[in-house]
PDB file of N, CA and C in Angstrom:
ATOM      1  N   MET A   1       1.415  16.656  -4.082  1.00  0.00           N
ATOM      2  CA  MET A   1       0.201  15.868  -4.066  1.00  0.00           C
ATOM      3  C   MET A   1      -1.015  16.781  -3.964  1.00  0.00           C
ATOM      4  N   LYS A   2      -1.046  17.826  -4.715  1.00  0.00           N
ATOM      5  CA  LYS A   2      -2.129  18.792  -4.598  1.00  0.00           C
ATOM      6  C   LYS A   2      -3.430  18.297  -5.221  1.00  0.00           C
ATOM      7  N   ASP A   3      -3.395  17.360  -6.143  1.00  0.00           N
ATOM      8  CA  ASP A   3      -4.633  16.805  -6.689  1.00  0.00           C
ATOM      9  C   ASP A   3      -5.240  15.866  -5.663  1.00  0.00           C
ATOM     10  N   LYS A   4      -6.564  15.899  -5.577  1.00  0.00           N
ATOM     11  CA  LYS A   4      -7.234  15.008  -4.628  1.00  0.00           C
ATOM     12  C   LYS A   4      -7.254  13.590  -5.170  1.00  0.00           C
ATOM     13  N   LEU A   5      -7.001  12.654  -4.296  1.00  0.00           N
ATOM     14  CA  LEU A   5      -7.004  11.233  -4.633  1.00  0.00           C
ATOM     15  C   LEU A   5      -8.294  10.608  -4.134  1.00  0.00           C
ATOM     16  N   CYS A   6      -8.608   9.427  -4.649  1.00  0.00           N
ATOM     17  CA  CYS A   6      -9.729   8.702  -4.064  1.00  0.00           C
ATOM     18  C   CYS A   6      -9.304   8.255  -2.658  1.00  0.00           C
ATOM     19  N   VAL A   7     -10.268   7.941  -1.844  1.00  0.00           N
ATOM     20  CA  VAL A   7     -10.010   7.630  -0.431  1.00  0.00           C
ATOM     21  C   VAL A   7      -8.989   6.505  -0.278  1.00  0.00           C
ATOM     22  N   SER A   8      -9.164   5.416  -1.009  1.00  0.00           N
ATOM     23  CA  SER A   8      -8.259   4.271  -0.828  1.00  0.00           C
ATOM     24  C   SER A   8      -6.833   4.616  -1.248  1.00  0.00           C
ATOM     25  N   ASP A   9      -6.667   5.385  -2.329  1.00  0.00           N
ATOM     26  CA  ASP A   9      -5.320   5.786  -2.751  1.00  0.00           C
ATOM     27  C   ASP A   9      -4.680   6.711  -1.719  1.00  0.00           C
ATOM     28  N   ARG A  10      -5.461   7.646  -1.198  1.00  0.00           N
ATOM     29  CA  ARG A  10      -4.935   8.568  -0.190  1.00  0.00           C
ATOM     30  C   ARG A  10      -4.483   7.793   1.051  1.00  0.00           C
ATOM     31  N   ARG A  11      -5.304   6.856   1.490  1.00  0.00           N
ATOM     32  CA  ARG A  11      -4.951   6.083   2.684  1.00  0.00           C
ATOM     33  C   ARG A  11      -3.721   5.219   2.452  1.00  0.00           C
ATOM     34  N   ARG A  12      -3.626   4.629   1.274  1.00  0.00           N
ATOM     35  CA  ARG A  12      -2.441   3.823   0.954  1.00  0.00           C
ATOM     36  C   ARG A  12      -1.194   4.703   0.960  1.00  0.00           C
ATOM     37  N   GLN A  13      -1.299   5.888   0.356  1.00  0.00           N
ATOM     38  CA  GLN A  13      -0.149   6.790   0.333  1.00  0.00           C
ATOM     39  C   GLN A  13       0.194   7.305   1.730  1.00  0.00           C
ATOM     40  N   MET A  14      -0.826   7.507   2.559  1.00  0.00           N
ATOM     41  CA  MET A  14      -0.556   7.911   3.943  1.00  0.00           C
ATOM     42  C   MET A  14       0.252   6.836   4.664  1.00  0.00           C
ATOM     43  N   LEU A  15      -0.143   5.578   4.485  1.00  0.00           N
ATOM     44  CA  LEU A  15       0.613   4.482   5.109  1.00  0.00           C
ATOM     45  C   LEU A  15       2.038   4.446   4.586  1.00  0.00           C
ATOM     46  N   ASP A  16       2.204   4.651   3.281  1.00  0.00           N
ATOM     47  CA  ASP A  16       3.548   4.667   2.701  1.00  0.00           C
ATOM     48  C   ASP A  16       4.386   5.796   3.311  1.00  0.00           C
ATOM     49  N   LEU A  17       3.793   6.984   3.433  1.00  0.00           N
ATOM     50  CA  LEU A  17       4.507   8.115   4.036  1.00  0.00           C
ATOM     51  C   LEU A  17       4.871   7.835   5.487  1.00  0.00           C
ATOM     52  N   LEU A  18       3.935   7.279   6.225  1.00  0.00           N
ATOM     53  CA  LEU A  18       4.205   6.961   7.629  1.00  0.00           C
ATOM     54  C   LEU A  18       5.248   5.856   7.763  1.00  0.00           C
ATOM     55  N   ARG A  19       5.247   4.923   6.831  1.00  0.00           N
ATOM     56  CA  ARG A  19       6.244   3.856   6.872  1.00  0.00           C
ATOM     57  C   ARG A  19       7.645   4.442   6.714  1.00  0.00           C
ATOM     58  N   VAL A  20       7.781   5.450   5.864  1.00  0.00           N
ATOM     59  CA  VAL A  20       9.085   6.075   5.625  1.00  0.00           C
ATOM     60  C   VAL A  20       9.449   7.052   6.743  1.00  0.00           C
ATOM     61  N   ASN A  21       8.494   7.901   7.125  1.00  0.00           N
ATOM     62  CA  ASN A  21       8.770   8.978   8.085  1.00  0.00           C
ATOM     63  C   ASN A  21       8.514   8.598   9.536  1.00  0.00           C
ATOM     64  N   ARG A  22       7.690   7.574   9.766  1.00  0.00           N
ATOM     65  CA  ARG A  22       7.304   7.073  11.080  1.00  0.00           C
ATOM     66  C   ARG A  22       6.434   8.039  11.879  1.00  0.00           C
ATOM     67  N   GLN A  23       6.537   9.343  11.633  1.00  0.00           N
ATOM     68  CA  GLN A  23       5.724  10.289  12.396  1.00  0.00           C
ATOM     69  C   GLN A  23       5.499  11.546  11.566  1.00  0.00           C
ATOM     70  N   LEU A  24       4.239  11.965  11.468  1.00  0.00           N
ATOM     71  CA  LEU A  24       3.872  13.178  10.735  1.00  0.00           C
ATOM     72  C   LEU A  24       2.749  13.888  11.477  1.00  0.00           C
ATOM     73  N   LEU A  25       2.639  15.177  11.258  1.00  0.00           N
ATOM     74  CA  LEU A  25       1.550  15.953  11.843  1.00  0.00           C
ATOM     75  C   LEU A  25       0.309  15.851  10.963  1.00  0.00           C
ATOM     76  N   LYS A  26      -0.863  15.858  11.602  1.00  0.00           N
ATOM     77  CA  LYS A  26      -2.118  15.816  10.843  1.00  0.00           C
ATOM     78  C   LYS A  26      -2.203  16.985   9.867  1.00  0.00           C
ATOM     79  N   ARG A  27      -1.807  18.174  10.322  1.00  0.00           N
ATOM     80  CA  ARG A  27      -1.864  19.361   9.467  1.00  0.00           C
ATOM     81  C   ARG A  27      -0.993  19.158   8.229  1.00  0.00           C
ATOM     82  N   ASP A  28       0.197  18.589   8.399  1.00  0.00           N
ATOM     83  CA  ASP A  28       1.084  18.344   7.258  1.00  0.00           C
ATOM     84  C   ASP A  28       0.458  17.344   6.288  1.00  0.00           C
ATOM     85  N   LEU A  29      -0.149  16.297   6.826  1.00  0.00           N
ATOM     86  CA  LEU A  29      -0.827  15.320   5.969  1.00  0.00           C
ATOM     87  C   LEU A  29      -1.985  15.973   5.217  1.00  0.00           C
ATOM     88  N   ALA A  30      -2.751  16.802   5.907  1.00  0.00           N
ATOM     89  CA  ALA A  30      -3.874  17.490   5.268  1.00  0.00           C
ATOM     90  C   ALA A  30      -3.378  18.375   4.127  1.00  0.00           C
ATOM     91  N   ASP A  31      -2.283  19.083   4.350  1.00  0.00           N
ATOM     92  CA  ASP A  31      -1.716  19.929   3.297  1.00  0.00           C
ATOM     93  C   ASP A  31      -1.203  19.099   2.125  1.00  0.00           C
ATOM     94  N   MET A  32      -0.546  17.993   2.431  1.00  0.00           N
ATOM     95  CA  MET A  32      -0.009  17.131   1.370  1.00  0.00           C
ATOM     96  C   MET A  32      -1.103  16.590   0.462  1.00  0.00           C
ATOM     97  N   PHE A  33      -2.227  16.217   1.058  1.00  0.00           N
ATOM     98  CA  PHE A  33      -3.302  15.573   0.301  1.00  0.00           C
ATOM     99  C   PHE A  33      -4.437  16.527  -0.074  1.00  0.00           C
ATOM    100  N   ASN A  34      -4.268  17.805   0.285  1.00  0.00           N
ATOM    101  CA  ASN A  34      -5.260  18.817  -0.078  1.00  0.00           C
ATOM    102  C   ASN A  34      -6.654  18.471   0.452  1.00  0.00           C
ATOM    103  N   VAL A  35      -6.688  18.045   1.712  1.00  0.00           N
ATOM    104  CA  VAL A  35      -7.949  17.728   2.391  1.00  0.00           C
ATOM    105  C   VAL A  35      -7.919  18.387   3.770  1.00  0.00           C
ATOM    106  N   SER A  36      -9.018  18.314   4.480  1.00  0.00           N
ATOM    107  CA  SER A  36      -9.090  18.916   5.816  1.00  0.00           C
ATOM    108  C   SER A  36      -8.425  18.012   6.863  1.00  0.00           C
ATOM    109  N   VAL A  37      -8.089  18.620   7.987  1.00  0.00           N
ATOM    110  CA  VAL A  37      -7.541  17.854   9.111  1.00  0.00           C
ATOM    111  C   VAL A  37      -8.583  16.843   9.584  1.00  0.00           C
ATOM    112  N   ARG A  38      -9.839  17.217   9.514  1.00  0.00           N
ATOM    113  CA  ARG A  38     -10.915  16.299   9.916  1.00  0.00           C
ATOM    114  C   ARG A  38     -10.930  15.043   9.025  1.00  0.00           C
ATOM    115  N   THR A  39     -10.728  15.233   7.717  1.00  0.00           N
ATOM    116  CA  THR A  39     -10.658  14.087   6.798  1.00  0.00           C
ATOM    117  C   THR A  39      -9.476  13.195   7.158  1.00  0.00           C
ATOM    118  N   ILE A  40      -8.336  13.814   7.449  1.00  0.00           N
ATOM    119  CA  ILE A  40      -7.151  13.049   7.859  1.00  0.00           C
ATOM    120  C   ILE A  40      -7.449  12.278   9.141  1.00  0.00           C
ATOM    121  N   SER A  41      -8.165  12.887  10.069  1.00  0.00           N
ATOM    122  CA  SER A  41      -8.521  12.205  11.323  1.00  0.00           C
ATOM    123  C   SER A  41      -9.368  10.969  11.053  1.00  0.00           C
ATOM    124  N   ARG A  42     -10.313  11.082  10.123  1.00  0.00           N
ATOM    125  CA  ARG A  42     -11.135   9.911   9.766  1.00  0.00           C
ATOM    126  C   ARG A  42     -10.281   8.834   9.095  1.00  0.00           C
ATOM    127  N   ASP A  43      -9.356   9.263   8.226  1.00  0.00           N
ATOM    128  CA  ASP A  43      -8.453   8.298   7.586  1.00  0.00           C
ATOM    129  C   ASP A  43      -7.604   7.579   8.630  1.00  0.00           C
ATOM    130  N   ILE A  44      -7.111   8.322   9.598  1.00  0.00           N
ATOM    131  CA  ILE A  44      -6.273   7.733  10.649  1.00  0.00           C
ATOM    132  C   ILE A  44      -7.081   6.746  11.485  1.00  0.00           C
ATOM    133  N   LEU A  45      -8.315   7.094  11.774  1.00  0.00           N
ATOM    134  CA  LEU A  45      -9.185   6.181  12.519  1.00  0.00           C
ATOM    135  C   LEU A  45      -9.330   4.858  11.766  1.00  0.00           C
ATOM    136  N   TYR A  46      -9.560   4.934  10.460  1.00  0.00           N
ATOM    137  CA  TYR A  46      -9.668   3.716   9.655  1.00  0.00           C
ATOM    138  C   TYR A  46      -8.328   2.977   9.624  1.00  0.00           C
ATOM    139  N   LEU A  47      -7.246   3.688   9.320  1.00  0.00           N
ATOM    140  CA  LEU A  47      -5.940   3.043   9.194  1.00  0.00           C
ATOM    141  C   LEU A  47      -5.492   2.397  10.501  1.00  0.00           C
ATOM    142  N   SER A  48      -5.892   2.974  11.621  1.00  0.00           N
ATOM    143  CA  SER A  48      -5.489   2.386  12.907  1.00  0.00           C
ATOM    144  C   SER A  48      -6.151   1.032  13.150  1.00  0.00           C
ATOM    145  N   SER A  49      -7.185   0.716  12.363  1.00  0.00           N
ATOM    146  CA  SER A  49      -7.808  -0.608  12.490  1.00  0.00           C
ATOM    147  C   SER A  49      -7.047  -1.678  11.705  1.00  0.00           C
ATOM    148  N   ILE A  50      -6.149  -1.256  10.804  1.00  0.00           N
ATOM    149  CA  ILE A  50      -5.401  -2.229   9.997  1.00  0.00           C
ATOM    150  C   ILE A  50      -3.890  -2.116  10.168  1.00  0.00           C
ATOM    151  N   ALA A  51      -3.435  -1.100  10.899  1.00  0.00           N
ATOM    152  CA  ALA A  51      -1.999  -0.904  11.099  1.00  0.00           C
ATOM    153  C   ALA A  51      -1.778  -0.314  12.492  1.00  0.00           C
ATOM    154  N   PRO A  52      -0.602  -0.545  13.067  1.00  0.00           N
ATOM    155  CA  PRO A  52      -0.329  -0.039  14.415  1.00  0.00           C
ATOM    156  C   PRO A  52      -0.018   1.464  14.419  1.00  0.00           C
ATOM    157  N   ILE A  53      -1.072   2.270  14.272  1.00  0.00           N
ATOM    158  CA  ILE A  53      -0.938   3.722  14.240  1.00  0.00           C
ATOM    159  C   ILE A  53      -1.399   4.281  15.581  1.00  0.00           C
ATOM    160  N   THR A  54      -0.623   5.207  16.105  1.00  0.00           N
ATOM    161  CA  THR A  54      -1.001   5.889  17.336  1.00  0.00           C
ATOM    162  C   THR A  54      -0.899   7.395  17.115  1.00  0.00           C
ATOM    163  N   ILE A  55      -1.555   8.138  18.002  1.00  0.00           N
ATOM    164  CA  ILE A  55      -1.488   9.593  17.948  1.00  0.00           C
ATOM    165  C   ILE A  55      -0.851  10.057  19.244  1.00  0.00           C
ATOM    166  N   LYS A  56       0.212  10.835  19.119  1.00  0.00           N
ATOM    167  CA  LYS A  56       0.899  11.382  20.286  1.00  0.00           C
ATOM    168  C   LYS A  56       0.589  12.871  20.353  1.00  0.00           C
ATOM    169  N   GLY A  57       0.152  13.316  21.509  1.00  0.00           N
ATOM    170  CA  GLY A  57      -0.136  14.730  21.695  1.00  0.00           C
ATOM    171  C   GLY A  57       1.079  15.493  22.175  1.00  0.00           C
ATOM    172  N   GLY A  58       0.965  16.810  22.178  1.00  0.00           N
ATOM    173  CA  GLY A  58       2.022  17.654  22.718  1.00  0.00           C
ATOM    174  C   GLY A  58       3.179  17.859  21.759  1.00  0.00           C
ATOM    175  N   LYS A  59       4.205  18.528  22.268  1.00  0.00           N
ATOM    176  CA  LYS A  59       5.392  18.805  21.468  1.00  0.00           C
ATOM    177  C   LYS A  59       6.060  17.491  21.064  1.00  0.00           C
ATOM    178  N   GLY A  60       6.409  17.389  19.800  1.00  0.00           N
ATOM    179  CA  GLY A  60       7.020  16.165  19.296  1.00  0.00           C
ATOM    180  C   GLY A  60       6.004  15.088  18.994  1.00  0.00           C
ATOM    181  N   GLY A  61       4.735  15.447  19.058  1.00  0.00           N
ATOM    182  CA  GLY A  61       3.679  14.469  18.793  1.00  0.00           C
ATOM    183  C   GLY A  61       3.306  14.412  17.329  1.00  0.00           C
ATOM    184  N   GLY A  62       2.253  13.696  17.056  1.00  0.00           N
ATOM    185  CA  GLY A  62       1.767  13.551  15.694  1.00  0.00           C
ATOM    186  C   GLY A  62       1.223  12.157  15.475  1.00  0.00           C
ATOM    187  N   VAL A  63       1.038  11.835  14.231  1.00  0.00           N
ATOM    188  CA  VAL A  63       0.562  10.511  13.834  1.00  0.00           C
ATOM    189  C   VAL A  63       1.790   9.628  13.691  1.00  0.00           C
ATOM    190  N   CYS A  64       1.792   8.500  14.380  1.00  0.00           N
ATOM    191  CA  CYS A  64       2.974   7.634  14.411  1.00  0.00           C
ATOM    192  C   CYS A  64       2.625   6.229  13.941  1.00  0.00           C
ATOM    193  N   LEU A  65       3.532   5.631  13.215  1.00  0.00           N
ATOM    194  CA  LEU A  65       3.419   4.237  12.810  1.00  0.00           C
ATOM    195  C   LEU A  65       4.495   3.472  13.556  1.00  0.00           C
ATOM    196  N   GLU A  66       4.097   2.424  14.254  1.00  0.00           N
ATOM    197  CA  GLU A  66       5.049   1.631  15.035  1.00  0.00           C
ATOM    198  C   GLU A  66       6.181   1.125  14.147  1.00  0.00           C
ATOM    199  N   SER A  67       7.385   1.121  14.690  1.00  0.00           N
ATOM    200  CA  SER A  67       8.574   0.805  13.899  1.00  0.00           C
ATOM    201  C   SER A  67       8.607  -0.628  13.387  1.00  0.00           C
ATOM    202  N   GLU A  68       7.935  -1.553  14.069  1.00  0.00           N
ATOM    203  CA  GLU A  68       7.984  -2.951  13.614  1.00  0.00           C
ATOM    204  C   GLU A  68       7.040  -3.229  12.453  1.00  0.00           C
ATOM    205  N   PHE A  69       6.204  -2.240  12.103  1.00  0.00           N
ATOM    206  CA  PHE A  69       5.236  -2.467  11.029  1.00  0.00           C
ATOM    207  C   PHE A  69       5.947  -2.507   9.688  1.00  0.00           C
ATOM    208  N   ARG A  70       5.706  -3.577   8.959  1.00  0.00           N
ATOM    209  CA  ARG A  70       6.241  -3.726   7.604  1.00  0.00           C
ATOM    210  C   ARG A  70       5.081  -4.068   6.697  1.00  0.00           C
ATOM    211  N   GLN A  71       4.895  -3.272   5.674  1.00  0.00           N
ATOM    212  CA  GLN A  71       3.836  -3.571   4.719  1.00  0.00           C
ATOM    213  C   GLN A  71       4.455  -3.567   3.335  1.00  0.00           C
ATOM    214  N   TYR A  72       3.981  -4.432   2.510  1.00  0.00           N
ATOM    215  CA  TYR A  72       4.415  -4.463   1.131  1.00  0.00           C
ATOM    216  C   TYR A  72       3.169  -4.353   0.273  1.00  0.00           C
ATOM    217  N   SER A  73       3.376  -4.043  -0.961  1.00  0.00           N
ATOM    218  CA  SER A  73       2.234  -3.986  -1.869  1.00  0.00           C
ATOM    219  C   SER A  73       1.653  -5.380  -1.986  1.00  0.00           C
ATOM    220  N   LEU A  74       0.375  -5.480  -1.837  1.00  0.00           N
ATOM    221  CA  LEU A  74      -0.259  -6.788  -1.843  1.00  0.00           C
ATOM    222  C   LEU A  74      -0.444  -7.359  -3.235  1.00  0.00           C
ATOM    223  N   TYR A  75      -0.459  -6.509  -4.232  1.00  0.00           N
ATOM    224  CA  TYR A  75      -0.761  -6.975  -5.577  1.00  0.00           C
ATOM    225  C   TYR A  75       0.338  -6.600  -6.555  1.00  0.00           C
ATOM    226  N   LEU A  76       0.483  -7.454  -7.557  1.00  0.00           N
ATOM    227  CA  LEU A  76       1.383  -7.141  -8.656  1.00  0.00           C
ATOM    228  C   LEU A  76       0.748  -6.064  -9.518  1.00  0.00           C
ATOM    229  N   SER A  77       1.578  -5.196 -10.089  1.00  0.00           N
ATOM    230  CA  SER A  77       1.053  -4.262 -11.080  1.00  0.00           C
ATOM    231  C   SER A  77       0.764  -5.069 -12.348  1.00  0.00           C
ATOM    232  N   ASP A  78      -0.019  -4.505 -13.250  1.00  0.00           N
ATOM    233  CA  ASP A  78      -0.302  -5.201 -14.511  1.00  0.00           C
ATOM    234  C   ASP A  78       0.987  -5.489 -15.266  1.00  0.00           C
ATOM    235  N   GLU A  79       1.922  -4.543 -15.231  1.00  0.00           N
ATOM    236  CA  GLU A  79       3.197  -4.725 -15.920  1.00  0.00           C
ATOM    237  C   GLU A  79       3.983  -5.892 -15.315  1.00  0.00           C
ATOM    238  N   GLU A  80       4.023  -5.971 -13.994  1.00  0.00           N
ATOM    239  CA  GLU A  80       4.729  -7.071 -13.330  1.00  0.00           C
ATOM    240  C   GLU A  80       4.075  -8.411 -13.643  1.00  0.00           C
ATOM    241  N   GLU A  81       2.755  -8.431 -13.612  1.00  0.00           N
ATOM    242  CA  GLU A  81       2.032  -9.670 -13.908  1.00  0.00           C
ATOM    243  C   GLU A  81       2.284 -10.124 -15.346  1.00  0.00           C
ATOM    244  N   ASN A  82       2.192  -9.196 -16.289  1.00  0.00           N
ATOM    245  CA  ASN A  82       2.440  -9.538 -17.696  1.00  0.00           C
ATOM    246  C   ASN A  82       3.864 -10.027 -17.908  1.00  0.00           C
ATOM    247  N   PHE A  83       4.821  -9.426 -17.200  1.00  0.00           N
ATOM    248  CA  PHE A  83       6.205  -9.862 -17.316  1.00  0.00           C
ATOM    249  C   PHE A  83       6.359 -11.299 -16.828  1.00  0.00           C
ATOM    250  N   LEU A  84       5.732 -11.618 -15.702  1.00  0.00           N
ATOM    251  CA  LEU A  84       5.810 -12.989 -15.195  1.00  0.00           C
ATOM    252  C   LEU A  84       5.187 -13.976 -16.170  1.00  0.00           C
ATOM    253  N   TYR A  85       4.051 -13.606 -16.753  1.00  0.00           N
ATOM    254  CA  TYR A  85       3.445 -14.481 -17.764  1.00  0.00           C
ATOM    255  C   TYR A  85       4.397 -14.687 -18.944  1.00  0.00           C
ATOM    256  N   SER A  86       5.092 -13.633 -19.358  1.00  0.00           N
ATOM    257  CA  SER A  86       6.011 -13.765 -20.496  1.00  0.00           C
ATOM    258  C   SER A  86       7.189 -14.678 -20.161  1.00  0.00           C
ATOM    259  N   LEU A  87       7.572 -14.752 -18.901  1.00  0.00           N
ATOM    260  CA  LEU A  87       8.673 -15.632 -18.488  1.00  0.00           C
ATOM    261  C   LEU A  87       8.291 -17.111 -18.522  1.00  0.00           C
ATOM    262  N   MET A  88       7.025 -17.403 -18.428  1.00  0.00           N
ATOM    263  CA  MET A  88       6.587 -18.796 -18.320  1.00  0.00           C
ATOM    264  C   MET A  88       6.987 -19.640 -19.525  1.00  0.00           C
ATOM    265  N   ASP A  89       7.093 -19.020 -20.695  1.00  0.00           N
ATOM    266  CA  ASP A  89       7.481 -19.769 -21.890  1.00  0.00           C
ATOM    267  C   ASP A  89       8.963 -20.137 -21.898  1.00  0.00           C
ATOM    268  N   SER A  90       9.755 -19.473 -21.062  1.00  0.00           N
ATOM    269  CA  SER A  90      11.198 -19.698 -21.107  1.00  0.00           C
ATOM    270  C   SER A  90      11.728 -20.523 -19.931  1.00  0.00           C
ATOM    271  N   VAL A  91      10.828 -21.092 -19.126  1.00  0.00           N
ATOM    272  CA  VAL A  91      11.280 -21.885 -17.981  1.00  0.00           C
ATOM    273  C   VAL A  91      10.684 -23.291 -18.032  1.00  0.00           C
ATOM    274  N   ASP A  92      11.264 -24.187 -17.241  1.00  0.00           N
ATOM    275  CA  ASP A  92      10.770 -25.566 -17.191  1.00  0.00           C
ATOM    276  C   ASP A  92       9.487 -25.646 -16.354  1.00  0.00           C
ATOM    277  N   ASP A  93       8.962 -26.860 -16.199  1.00  0.00           N
ATOM    278  CA  ASP A  93       7.703 -27.047 -15.466  1.00  0.00           C
ATOM    279  C   ASP A  93       7.788 -26.535 -14.028  1.00  0.00           C
ATOM    280  N   ARG A  94       8.894 -26.804 -13.374  1.00  0.00           N
ATOM    281  CA  ARG A  94       9.064 -26.329 -11.994  1.00  0.00           C
ATOM    282  C   ARG A  94       9.016 -24.805 -11.952  1.00  0.00           C
ATOM    283  N   GLY A  95       9.705 -24.158 -12.875  1.00  0.00           N
ATOM    284  CA  GLY A  95       9.699 -22.695 -12.949  1.00  0.00           C
ATOM    285  C   GLY A  95       8.311 -22.148 -13.218  1.00  0.00           C
ATOM    286  N   ARG A  96       7.575 -22.815 -14.115  1.00  0.00           N
ATOM    287  CA  ARG A  96       6.198 -22.393 -14.403  1.00  0.00           C
ATOM    288  C   ARG A  96       5.321 -22.518 -13.163  1.00  0.00           C
ATOM    289  N   ASN A  97       5.514 -23.592 -12.406  1.00  0.00           N
ATOM    290  CA  ASN A  97       4.742 -23.764 -11.168  1.00  0.00           C
ATOM    291  C   ASN A  97       5.056 -22.663 -10.149  1.00  0.00           C
ATOM    292  N   ILE A  98       6.324 -22.310 -10.051  1.00  0.00           N
ATOM    293  CA  ILE A  98       6.717 -21.244  -9.125  1.00  0.00           C
ATOM    294  C   ILE A  98       6.109 -19.912  -9.562  1.00  0.00           C
ATOM    295  N   ILE A  99       6.236 -19.596 -10.846  1.00  0.00           N
ATOM    296  CA  ILE A  99       5.667 -18.344 -11.363  1.00  0.00           C
ATOM    297  C   ILE A  99       4.157 -18.337 -11.197  1.00  0.00           C
ATOM    298  N   SER A 100       3.517 -19.454 -11.471  1.00  0.00           N
ATOM    299  CA  SER A 100       2.058 -19.543 -11.302  1.00  0.00           C
ATOM    300  C   SER A 100       1.662 -19.291  -9.854  1.00  0.00           C
ATOM    301  N   GLY A 101       2.452 -19.816  -8.926  1.00  0.00           N
ATOM    302  CA  GLY A 101       2.172 -19.599  -7.510  1.00  0.00           C
ATOM    303  C   GLY A 101       2.305 -18.140  -7.110  1.00  0.00           C
ATOM    304  N   ILE A 102       3.338 -17.489  -7.633  1.00  0.00           N
ATOM    305  CA  ILE A 102       3.525 -16.060  -7.350  1.00  0.00           C
ATOM    306  C   ILE A 102       2.347 -15.259  -7.890  1.00  0.00           C
ATOM    307  N   ILE A 103       1.963 -15.547  -9.117  1.00  0.00           N
ATOM    308  CA  ILE A 103       0.840 -14.827  -9.728  1.00  0.00           C
ATOM    309  C   ILE A 103      -0.442 -15.076  -8.943  1.00  0.00           C
ATOM    310  N   ALA A 104      -0.674 -16.332  -8.561  1.00  0.00           N
ATOM    311  CA  ALA A 104      -1.900 -16.658  -7.819  1.00  0.00           C
ATOM    312  C   ALA A 104      -1.945 -15.934  -6.473  1.00  0.00           C
ATOM    313  N   LYS A 105      -0.798 -15.787  -5.812  1.00  0.00           N
ATOM    314  CA  LYS A 105      -0.762 -15.127  -4.508  1.00  0.00           C
ATOM    315  C   LYS A 105      -0.904 -13.613  -4.600  1.00  0.00           C
ATOM    316  N   PHE A 106      -0.359 -13.028  -5.659  1.00  0.00           N
ATOM    317  CA  PHE A 106      -0.221 -11.576  -5.676  1.00  0.00           C
ATOM    318  C   PHE A 106      -0.933 -10.861  -6.818  1.00  0.00           C
ATOM    319  N   THR A 107      -1.804 -11.541  -7.533  1.00  0.00           N
ATOM    320  CA  THR A 107      -2.514 -10.856  -8.610  1.00  0.00           C
ATOM    321  C   THR A 107      -3.807 -10.251  -8.094  1.00  0.00           C
ATOM    322  N   LYS A 108      -4.204  -9.117  -8.678  1.00  0.00           N
ATOM    323  CA  LYS A 108      -5.491  -8.518  -8.312  1.00  0.00           C
ATOM    324  C   LYS A 108      -6.614  -9.189  -9.063  1.00  0.00           C
ATOM    325  N   ASN A 109      -6.279  -9.864 -10.151  1.00  0.00           N
ATOM    326  CA  ASN A 109      -7.303 -10.535 -10.948  1.00  0.00           C
ATOM    327  C   ASN A 109      -7.750 -11.794 -10.225  1.00  0.00           C
ATOM    328  N   THR A 110      -9.026 -12.063 -10.267  1.00  0.00           N
ATOM    329  CA  THR A 110      -9.538 -13.237  -9.562  1.00  0.00           C
ATOM    330  C   THR A 110      -9.475 -14.492 -10.416  1.00  0.00           C
ATOM    331  N   VAL A 111      -9.269 -14.329 -11.713  1.00  0.00           N
ATOM    332  CA  VAL A 111      -9.205 -15.473 -12.618  1.00  0.00           C
ATOM    333  C   VAL A 111      -7.786 -15.590 -13.144  1.00  0.00           C
ATOM    334  N   PHE A 112      -7.206 -16.764 -12.978  1.00  0.00           N
ATOM    335  CA  PHE A 112      -5.858 -17.020 -13.456  1.00  0.00           C
ATOM    336  C   PHE A 112      -5.897 -17.222 -14.959  1.00  0.00           C
ATOM    337  N   ARG A 113      -5.025 -16.523 -15.685  1.00  0.00           N
ATOM    338  CA  ARG A 113      -4.992 -16.635 -17.146  1.00  0.00           C
ATOM    339  C   ARG A 113      -4.364 -17.948 -17.565  1.00  0.00           C
ATOM    340  N   GLU A 114      -4.919 -18.560 -18.575  1.00  0.00           N
ATOM    341  CA  GLU A 114      -4.328 -19.770 -19.151  1.00  0.00           C
ATOM    342  C   GLU A 114      -3.223 -19.369 -20.114  1.00  0.00           C
ATOM    343  N   GLN A 115      -2.115 -20.064 -20.062  1.00  0.00           N
ATOM    344  CA  GLN A 115      -1.019 -19.833 -20.995  1.00  0.00           C
ATOM    345  C   GLN A 115      -1.187 -20.729 -22.205  1.00  0.00           C
ATOM    346  N   ASN A 116      -0.783 -20.222 -23.347  1.00  0.00           N
ATOM    347  CA  ASN A 116      -0.848 -21.019 -24.593  1.00  0.00           C
ATOM    348  C   ASN A 116       0.162 -22.125 -24.588  1.00  0.00           C
TER     349      ASN A 116
END
């Protein structure tokens, strides 16, 4: 991850890494994202407002994500969304309603596309 990411992408990836590893050192995160430890500290401050992140000092310490935290991607990718739209022609009304509900809940687009 030597290329610099935009702030939101870096923070999302940090949460993903913490979700998998549960605990990482600030220095390691800074090296992974090619930013300063100070930048990582600011990211952690922000992320701790939306996720149960704590900082443990001393040996065995680091940035920790509480084990009960579960996050999923909030939005469908464009490919996933297009695939769901393509399925709508092959299902009955109930299936279309279910697919429409999934798209409405998880699409990044604010306007629901009309199907032909």
